[in-house]
Amino acid sequence: MNSKLEFTTTNRNALVLNYQGYQCTIKRQYKDKNEWRCRQRPCTTSLSLCRANISMTREPSHHTCIQSSPKKLVLEEVISRMKKRAGEETLPIPQIYSQEIIKVHVNNPDMNTGTFFQCWIALIQVYI
């Protein structure tokens, strides 16, 4: 099980913590720590990270929800990277898209990127 702290963003640019196959959003920010809660309701599992969000100060309790699919986590991570790059770089969006799809294919050779990212291809072609 992957226990690395990975962050993506929501459509409204709020941070999402991806940890052990579950997604969490900020619940509260304290002076010395940040409290995160499971993104899927009604699951009330929470965990705490240090203020800089680099280390765990309290492990999560038992989740009452189902883990997010690994493909969904990969998709959200890629979309987050694409949005960030589109805002920071001057490359055309279709080129950023192509580069990110290649990265996904190289890092996840068993994932069929052609069918998984199919809807994004249609959206990109509209803007070309």
Protein backbone atom coordinates (compact mmCIF):
# COMPACT_ATOMS: atom_id res chain seq x y z
CA MET A 1 0.00 0.00 0.00
CA ASN A 2 1.31 3.43 -0.93
CA SER A 3 1.77 5.55 2.22
CA LYS A 4 3.41 8.51 0.49
CA LEU A 5 1.74 11.91 0.90
CA GLU A 6 0.64 13.14 -2.52
CA PHE A 7 -1.33 16.29 -3.21
CA THR A 8 -3.63 17.26 -6.07
CA THR A 9 -6.19 20.05 -6.37
CA THR A 10 -9.94 20.25 -6.78
CA ASN A 11 -11.70 22.16 -9.57
CA ARG A 12 -11.66 25.16 -7.23
CA ASN A 13 -7.91 24.78 -6.55
CA ALA A 14 -8.30 23.49 -2.99
CA LEU A 15 -5.68 20.96 -1.88
CA VAL A 16 -6.57 17.27 -1.85
CA LEU A 17 -4.39 14.81 0.07
CA ASN A 18 -4.08 11.37 -1.54
CA TYR A 19 -3.00 8.93 1.16
CA GLN A 20 -3.25 5.12 1.16
CA GLY A 21 -5.83 5.13 -1.65
CA TYR A 22 -8.14 7.64 0.05
CA GLN A 23 -8.63 11.32 -0.61
CA CYS A 24 -8.81 13.93 2.15
CA THR A 25 -9.55 17.66 2.24
CA ILE A 26 -8.60 20.29 4.82
CA LYS A 27 -10.94 20.29 7.79
CA ARG A 28 -9.17 22.81 10.05
CA GLN A 29 -5.87 24.64 10.23
CA TYR A 30 -4.28 25.05 13.64
CA LYS A 31 -1.14 26.93 14.64
CA ASP A 32 0.98 23.77 14.65
CA LYS A 33 -0.94 21.28 12.46
CA ASN A 34 -3.54 20.82 9.72
CA GLU A 35 -6.47 18.48 10.21
CA TRP A 36 -7.68 16.60 7.13
CA ARG A 37 -10.90 14.60 6.70
CA CYS A 38 -11.98 11.97 4.21
CA ARG A 39 -13.41 13.50 1.05
CA GLN A 40 -16.16 10.89 0.76
CA ARG A 41 -19.14 11.62 2.96
CA PRO A 42 -20.45 10.30 5.36
CA CYS A 43 -17.00 8.85 6.23
CA THR A 44 -15.64 10.89 9.15
CA THR A 45 -12.09 9.56 9.24
CA SER A 46 -9.52 12.27 9.85
CA LEU A 47 -5.75 12.61 10.13
CA SER A 48 -3.30 15.35 11.08
CA LEU A 49 -0.25 16.68 9.29
CA CYS A 50 2.30 19.20 10.48
CA ARG A 51 1.60 22.80 9.45
CA ALA A 52 3.83 22.48 6.35
CA ASN A 53 1.98 19.27 5.27
CA ILE A 54 5.21 17.26 5.04
CA SER A 55 4.85 14.76 7.90
CA MET A 56 2.06 12.87 9.64
CA THR A 57 1.33 13.80 13.26
CA ARG A 58 -1.73 11.55 13.66
CA GLU A 59 -2.55 8.50 11.55
CA PRO A 60 -6.09 8.08 10.19
CA SER A 61 -8.59 5.81 11.91
CA HIS A 62 -10.62 3.15 10.07
CA HIS A 63 -12.41 4.37 6.93
CA THR A 64 -16.09 3.52 6.46
CA CYS A 65 -15.94 4.33 2.72
CA ILE A 66 -14.46 2.53 -0.29
CA GLN A 67 -10.94 3.36 -1.49
CA SER A 68 -10.63 5.53 -4.57
CA SER A 69 -9.60 3.60 -7.66
CA PRO A 70 -5.90 3.92 -8.56
CA LYS A 71 -6.90 5.06 -12.06
CA LYS A 72 -8.98 7.91 -10.61
CA LEU A 73 -6.03 9.01 -8.49
CA VAL A 74 -3.71 8.94 -11.52
CA LEU A 75 -6.26 10.91 -13.56
CA GLU A 76 -6.65 13.60 -10.90
CA GLU A 77 -2.87 13.87 -10.48
CA VAL A 78 -2.37 14.28 -14.24
CA ILE A 79 -5.15 16.87 -14.54
CA SER A 80 -3.64 18.81 -11.65
CA ARG A 81 -0.21 18.79 -13.32
CA MET A 82 -1.72 19.86 -16.66
CA LYS A 83 -3.54 22.80 -15.07
CA LYS A 84 -0.41 23.90 -13.25
CA ARG A 85 1.74 23.66 -16.37
CA ALA A 86 -0.86 25.47 -18.52
CA GLY A 87 -0.78 28.39 -16.09
CA GLU A 88 3.01 28.53 -15.78
CA GLU A 89 4.35 27.56 -19.20
CA THR A 90 3.94 29.05 -22.66
CA LEU A 91 3.62 25.70 -24.44
CA PRO A 92 0.37 25.05 -26.31
CA ILE A 93 -2.17 23.08 -24.25
CA PRO A 94 -2.28 20.13 -26.71
CA GLN A 95 1.49 19.76 -26.36
CA ILE A 96 1.28 19.78 -22.55
CA TYR A 97 -1.52 17.21 -22.79
CA SER A 98 0.55 14.94 -25.05
CA GLN A 99 3.60 15.15 -22.79
CA GLU A 100 1.57 14.32 -19.68
CA ILE A 101 -0.16 11.35 -21.38
CA ILE A 102 3.25 10.01 -22.38
CA LYS A 103 4.43 10.34 -18.75
CA VAL A 104 1.38 8.40 -17.57
CA HIS A 105 1.99 5.68 -20.14
CA VAL A 106 5.67 5.38 -19.19
CA ASN A 107 4.96 5.34 -15.42
CA ASN A 108 1.90 3.04 -15.72
CA PRO A 109 2.51 0.73 -18.69
CA ASP A 110 -0.51 -1.44 -17.81
CA MET A 111 -2.93 1.53 -18.01
CA ASN A 112 -4.67 1.94 -21.35
CA THR A 113 -4.26 5.70 -21.75
CA GLY A 114 -6.08 5.75 -25.10
CA THR A 115 -9.42 4.79 -23.60
CA PHE A 116 -8.89 6.26 -20.14
CA PHE A 117 -8.13 9.78 -21.39
CA GLN A 118 -10.43 9.60 -24.41
CA CYS A 119 -12.78 12.39 -23.30
CA TRP A 120 -9.82 14.75 -22.85
CA ILE A 121 -8.68 14.11 -26.42
CA ALA A 122 -12.09 15.26 -27.71
CA LEU A 123 -11.92 18.45 -25.60
CA ILE A 124 -8.39 19.25 -26.77
CA GLN A 125 -9.37 18.84 -30.45
CA VAL A 126 -12.09 21.46 -30.00
CA TYR A 127 -9.46 24.05 -29.01
CA ILE A 128 -6.98 23.24 -31.81
